[in-house]
Amino acid sequence: MADFKIKPLGDRVIVKAKEAEETTKGGIILPDTAKEKPIEGTIVAVGEGKTTDDGKVVKLTLKVGDVVLYGKYSGTEIKVDGDEYLIMRESDVYGIVK
């Protein structure tokens, strides 16, 4: 997704959240109000990096395509062409799923 329509600034990343589970492990279908917010997603765009006080740019560790874990209420929800994404700082990401 190198041609994503939004370029995050600084140390921000844009994440496409994994779809919330539709059913429980036992097969019960969950209504929208009972679904857990996803905490896993895929990076679709990254900023240039954080600028330090002395003007140097520290590159981000994350890259497009990384599958990551983040806080349940992290980031700001945005819509692009009808799809929902989260924009958050790299520091809001807890880890990369291998």
N, C-alpha and C. Protein backbone atom coordinates (compact mmCIF):
# COMPACT_ATOMS: atom_id res chain seq x y z
N MET A 1 0.82 -1.19 0.00
CA MET A 1 0.00 0.00 0.00
C MET A 1 0.86 1.26 0.00
N ALA A 2 1.86 1.28 -0.84
CA ALA A 2 2.75 2.43 -0.88
C ALA A 2 2.03 3.68 -1.36
N ASP A 3 0.89 3.53 -2.03
CA ASP A 3 0.16 4.68 -2.56
C ASP A 3 -1.06 5.01 -1.70
N PHE A 4 -0.97 4.79 -0.38
CA PHE A 4 -2.06 5.12 0.53
C PHE A 4 -2.32 6.62 0.45
N LYS A 5 -3.59 7.03 0.51
CA LYS A 5 -3.97 8.42 0.28
C LYS A 5 -3.53 9.40 1.35
N ILE A 6 -3.20 8.90 2.55
CA ILE A 6 -2.79 9.79 3.64
C ILE A 6 -1.37 9.44 4.05
N LYS A 7 -0.52 10.44 4.19
CA LYS A 7 0.85 10.25 4.66
C LYS A 7 0.92 10.75 6.10
N PRO A 8 1.12 9.84 7.07
CA PRO A 8 1.20 10.29 8.46
C PRO A 8 2.46 11.14 8.68
N LEU A 9 2.38 12.09 9.60
CA LEU A 9 3.50 12.96 9.89
C LEU A 9 4.28 12.47 11.10
N GLY A 10 5.54 12.81 11.14
CA GLY A 10 6.38 12.51 12.29
C GLY A 10 6.43 11.03 12.62
N ASP A 11 6.17 10.72 13.89
CA ASP A 11 6.27 9.34 14.37
C ASP A 11 4.92 8.63 14.39
N ARG A 12 4.03 9.03 13.51
CA ARG A 12 2.71 8.41 13.47
C ARG A 12 2.65 7.31 12.40
N VAL A 13 1.75 6.36 12.64
CA VAL A 13 1.51 5.27 11.70
C VAL A 13 0.00 5.14 11.49
N ILE A 14 -0.39 4.56 10.37
CA ILE A 14 -1.80 4.28 10.10
C ILE A 14 -1.96 2.76 10.08
N VAL A 15 -2.95 2.29 10.84
CA VAL A 15 -3.18 0.86 11.03
C VAL A 15 -4.57 0.49 10.52
N LYS A 16 -4.65 -0.60 9.77
CA LYS A 16 -5.93 -1.20 9.38
C LYS A 16 -6.21 -2.28 10.40
N ALA A 17 -7.22 -2.06 11.26
CA ALA A 17 -7.54 -3.00 12.33
C ALA A 17 -8.04 -4.32 11.78
N LYS A 18 -7.67 -5.38 12.46
CA LYS A 18 -8.19 -6.71 12.14
C LYS A 18 -9.68 -6.69 12.45
N GLU A 19 -10.46 -7.38 11.65
CA GLU A 19 -11.92 -7.42 11.86
C GLU A 19 -12.24 -8.04 13.21
N ALA A 20 -13.22 -7.49 13.90
CA ALA A 20 -13.67 -8.03 15.18
C ALA A 20 -14.30 -9.41 14.94
N GLU A 21 -14.14 -10.27 15.92
CA GLU A 21 -14.69 -11.63 15.81
C GLU A 21 -16.21 -11.56 15.71
N GLU A 22 -16.78 -12.30 14.77
CA GLU A 22 -18.23 -12.33 14.56
C GLU A 22 -18.91 -13.36 15.46
N THR A 23 -18.16 -14.42 15.81
CA THR A 23 -18.73 -15.48 16.63
C THR A 23 -17.76 -15.85 17.75
N THR A 24 -18.28 -16.47 18.79
CA THR A 24 -17.43 -16.98 19.87
C THR A 24 -16.84 -18.31 19.43
N LYS A 25 -15.91 -18.85 20.24
CA LYS A 25 -15.32 -20.16 19.92
C LYS A 25 -16.38 -21.26 19.93
N GLY A 26 -17.43 -21.04 20.71
CA GLY A 26 -18.52 -22.03 20.77
C GLY A 26 -19.53 -21.89 19.64
N GLY A 27 -19.37 -20.87 18.77
CA GLY A 27 -20.26 -20.70 17.63
C GLY A 27 -21.39 -19.71 17.82
N ILE A 28 -21.43 -19.01 18.95
CA ILE A 28 -22.49 -18.04 19.19
C ILE A 28 -22.19 -16.77 18.40
N ILE A 29 -23.16 -16.29 17.63
CA ILE A 29 -23.00 -15.08 16.84
C ILE A 29 -23.13 -13.87 17.76
N LEU A 30 -22.16 -12.96 17.68
CA LEU A 30 -22.13 -11.78 18.54
C LEU A 30 -22.76 -10.58 17.85
N PRO A 31 -23.62 -9.83 18.57
CA PRO A 31 -24.12 -8.57 18.00
C PRO A 31 -23.00 -7.53 18.04
N ASP A 32 -23.13 -6.46 17.25
CA ASP A 32 -22.10 -5.43 17.20
C ASP A 32 -21.77 -4.87 18.57
N THR A 33 -22.74 -4.74 19.45
CA THR A 33 -22.51 -4.15 20.77
C THR A 33 -21.68 -5.05 21.67
N ALA A 34 -21.60 -6.33 21.39
CA ALA A 34 -20.86 -7.27 22.24
C ALA A 34 -19.46 -7.58 21.71
N LYS A 35 -19.15 -7.12 20.52
CA LYS A 35 -17.84 -7.42 19.93
C LYS A 35 -16.74 -6.62 20.64
N GLU A 36 -15.62 -7.30 20.88
CA GLU A 36 -14.45 -6.65 21.48
C GLU A 36 -13.76 -5.78 20.42
N LYS A 37 -13.25 -4.64 20.86
CA LYS A 37 -12.47 -3.81 19.94
C LYS A 37 -11.20 -4.57 19.59
N PRO A 38 -10.81 -4.58 18.32
CA PRO A 38 -9.59 -5.30 17.95
C PRO A 38 -8.36 -4.63 18.55
N ILE A 39 -7.35 -5.44 18.83
CA ILE A 39 -6.08 -4.91 19.32
C ILE A 39 -4.93 -5.31 18.40
N GLU A 40 -5.29 -5.81 17.23
CA GLU A 40 -4.30 -6.25 16.25
C GLU A 40 -4.65 -5.64 14.90
N GLY A 41 -3.63 -5.26 14.15
CA GLY A 41 -3.87 -4.70 12.83
C GLY A 41 -2.60 -4.69 12.00
N THR A 42 -2.74 -4.19 10.78
CA THR A 42 -1.63 -4.15 9.84
C THR A 42 -1.28 -2.70 9.53
N ILE A 43 0.01 -2.39 9.56
CA ILE A 43 0.49 -1.04 9.23
C ILE A 43 0.31 -0.81 7.73
N VAL A 44 -0.37 0.29 7.36
CA VAL A 44 -0.57 0.60 5.94
C VAL A 44 0.20 1.85 5.51
N ALA A 45 0.67 2.67 6.47
CA ALA A 45 1.46 3.85 6.14
C ALA A 45 2.25 4.27 7.38
N VAL A 46 3.45 4.81 7.16
CA VAL A 46 4.29 5.28 8.27
C VAL A 46 4.82 6.68 7.96
N GLY A 47 5.05 7.44 9.02
CA GLY A 47 5.64 8.77 8.88
C GLY A 47 7.14 8.68 8.67
N GLU A 48 7.77 9.85 8.53
CA GLU A 48 9.21 9.91 8.29
C GLU A 48 10.02 9.59 9.54
N GLY A 49 9.46 9.84 10.71
CA GLY A 49 10.18 9.60 11.95
C GLY A 49 10.06 10.79 12.88
N LYS A 50 10.52 10.61 14.10
CA LYS A 50 10.44 11.66 15.12
C LYS A 50 11.64 12.59 15.00
N THR A 51 11.37 13.90 15.06
CA THR A 51 12.45 14.89 15.01
C THR A 51 12.87 15.22 16.44
N THR A 52 14.15 15.06 16.73
CA THR A 52 14.67 15.35 18.06
C THR A 52 14.86 16.85 18.23
N ASP A 53 15.17 17.27 19.46
CA ASP A 53 15.36 18.70 19.76
C ASP A 53 16.50 19.31 18.95
N ASP A 54 17.50 18.50 18.59
CA ASP A 54 18.62 19.03 17.81
C ASP A 54 18.42 18.91 16.30
N GLY A 55 17.19 18.56 15.88
CA GLY A 55 16.84 18.56 14.45
C GLY A 55 17.08 17.26 13.72
N LYS A 56 17.59 16.24 14.38
CA LYS A 56 17.83 14.95 13.72
C LYS A 56 16.52 14.16 13.66
N VAL A 57 16.36 13.39 12.60
CA VAL A 57 15.16 12.56 12.43
C VAL A 57 15.50 11.13 12.81
N VAL A 58 14.77 10.60 13.77
CA VAL A 58 14.93 9.21 14.19
C VAL A 58 13.90 8.39 13.42
N LYS A 59 14.36 7.50 12.55
CA LYS A 59 13.47 6.67 11.73
C LYS A 59 12.61 5.76 12.59
N LEU A 60 11.44 5.42 12.08
CA LEU A 60 10.54 4.51 12.79
C LEU A 60 11.02 3.07 12.66
N THR A 61 10.70 2.27 13.67
CA THR A 61 11.01 0.84 13.65
C THR A 61 10.01 0.09 12.79
N LEU A 62 8.75 0.55 12.81
CA LEU A 62 7.67 -0.11 12.07
C LEU A 62 7.75 0.20 10.59
N LYS A 63 7.24 -0.75 9.79
CA LYS A 63 7.20 -0.54 8.34
C LYS A 63 5.86 -1.04 7.80
N VAL A 64 5.52 -0.60 6.62
CA VAL A 64 4.27 -1.02 5.97
C VAL A 64 4.25 -2.54 5.87
N GLY A 65 3.12 -3.13 6.26
CA GLY A 65 2.96 -4.58 6.20
C GLY A 65 3.15 -5.28 7.53
N ASP A 66 3.75 -4.60 8.52
CA ASP A 66 3.91 -5.20 9.84
C ASP A 66 2.55 -5.44 10.48
N VAL A 67 2.37 -6.60 11.10
CA VAL A 67 1.17 -6.89 11.88
C VAL A 67 1.51 -6.58 13.32
N VAL A 68 0.73 -5.69 13.94
CA VAL A 68 1.09 -5.16 15.25
C VAL A 68 -0.02 -5.33 16.27
N LEU A 69 0.37 -5.24 17.55
CA LEU A 69 -0.57 -5.21 18.67
C LEU A 69 -0.53 -3.81 19.25
N TYR A 70 -1.71 -3.28 19.64
CA TYR A 70 -1.79 -1.94 20.20
C TYR A 70 -2.88 -1.92 21.27
N GLY A 71 -2.94 -0.84 22.03
CA GLY A 71 -3.93 -0.72 23.10
C GLY A 71 -5.34 -0.68 22.56
N LYS A 72 -6.26 -1.22 23.32
CA LYS A 72 -7.66 -1.32 22.91
C LYS A 72 -8.27 0.02 22.51
N TYR A 73 -7.86 1.10 23.17
CA TYR A 73 -8.43 2.41 22.87
C TYR A 73 -7.38 3.36 22.28
N SER A 74 -6.32 2.82 21.69
CA SER A 74 -5.26 3.63 21.09
C SER A 74 -5.70 4.25 19.78
N GLY A 75 -5.10 5.37 19.47
CA GLY A 75 -5.27 5.99 18.17
C GLY A 75 -6.59 6.73 17.97
N THR A 76 -6.66 7.36 16.81
CA THR A 76 -7.83 8.10 16.38
C THR A 76 -8.39 7.42 15.15
N GLU A 77 -9.70 7.16 15.17
CA GLU A 77 -10.33 6.49 14.03
C GLU A 77 -10.52 7.46 12.89
N ILE A 78 -10.17 7.01 11.67
CA ILE A 78 -10.38 7.80 10.46
C ILE A 78 -11.01 6.90 9.40
N LYS A 79 -11.69 7.51 8.43
CA LYS A 79 -12.27 6.77 7.30
C LYS A 79 -11.63 7.27 6.02
N VAL A 80 -11.21 6.33 5.18
CA VAL A 80 -10.64 6.64 3.88
C VAL A 80 -11.34 5.74 2.87
N ASP A 81 -12.04 6.34 1.91
CA ASP A 81 -12.76 5.59 0.88
C ASP A 81 -13.68 4.52 1.48
N GLY A 82 -14.33 4.84 2.61
CA GLY A 82 -15.27 3.93 3.23
C GLY A 82 -14.65 2.90 4.16
N ASP A 83 -13.33 2.80 4.18
CA ASP A 83 -12.66 1.85 5.07
C ASP A 83 -12.20 2.57 6.32
N GLU A 84 -12.23 1.87 7.47
CA GLU A 84 -11.83 2.46 8.73
C GLU A 84 -10.39 2.11 9.07
N TYR A 85 -9.66 3.11 9.57
CA TYR A 85 -8.27 2.96 9.97
C TYR A 85 -8.06 3.67 11.30
N LEU A 86 -6.92 3.41 11.91
CA LEU A 86 -6.50 4.12 13.11
C LEU A 86 -5.20 4.84 12.82
N ILE A 87 -5.07 6.06 13.29
CA ILE A 87 -3.80 6.77 13.19
C ILE A 87 -3.30 6.95 14.62
N MET A 88 -2.04 6.55 14.86
CA MET A 88 -1.49 6.59 16.22
C MET A 88 0.02 6.79 16.16
N ARG A 89 0.58 7.15 17.30
CA ARG A 89 2.04 7.27 17.40
C ARG A 89 2.65 5.88 17.46
N GLU A 90 3.87 5.78 16.98
CA GLU A 90 4.56 4.49 17.04
C GLU A 90 4.64 3.97 18.48
N SER A 91 4.77 4.87 19.43
CA SER A 91 4.87 4.47 20.84
C SER A 91 3.57 3.87 21.38
N ASP A 92 2.45 4.03 20.68
CA ASP A 92 1.18 3.40 21.08
C ASP A 92 1.13 1.92 20.66
N VAL A 93 2.08 1.50 19.84
CA VAL A 93 2.13 0.11 19.38
C VAL A 93 2.96 -0.68 20.40
N TYR A 94 2.40 -1.81 20.86
CA TYR A 94 3.05 -2.62 21.89
C TYR A 94 4.07 -3.58 21.31
N GLY A 95 3.81 -4.10 20.11
CA GLY A 95 4.73 -5.08 19.55
C GLY A 95 4.33 -5.51 18.16
N ILE A 96 5.25 -6.23 17.52
CA ILE A 96 5.03 -6.77 16.18
C ILE A 96 4.74 -8.26 16.31
N VAL A 97 3.69 -8.73 15.62
CA VAL A 97 3.34 -10.15 15.63
C VAL A 97 4.21 -10.84 14.59
N LYS A 98 4.87 -11.90 14.99
CA LYS A 98 5.77 -12.63 14.08
C LYS A 98 5.07 -13.81 13.44
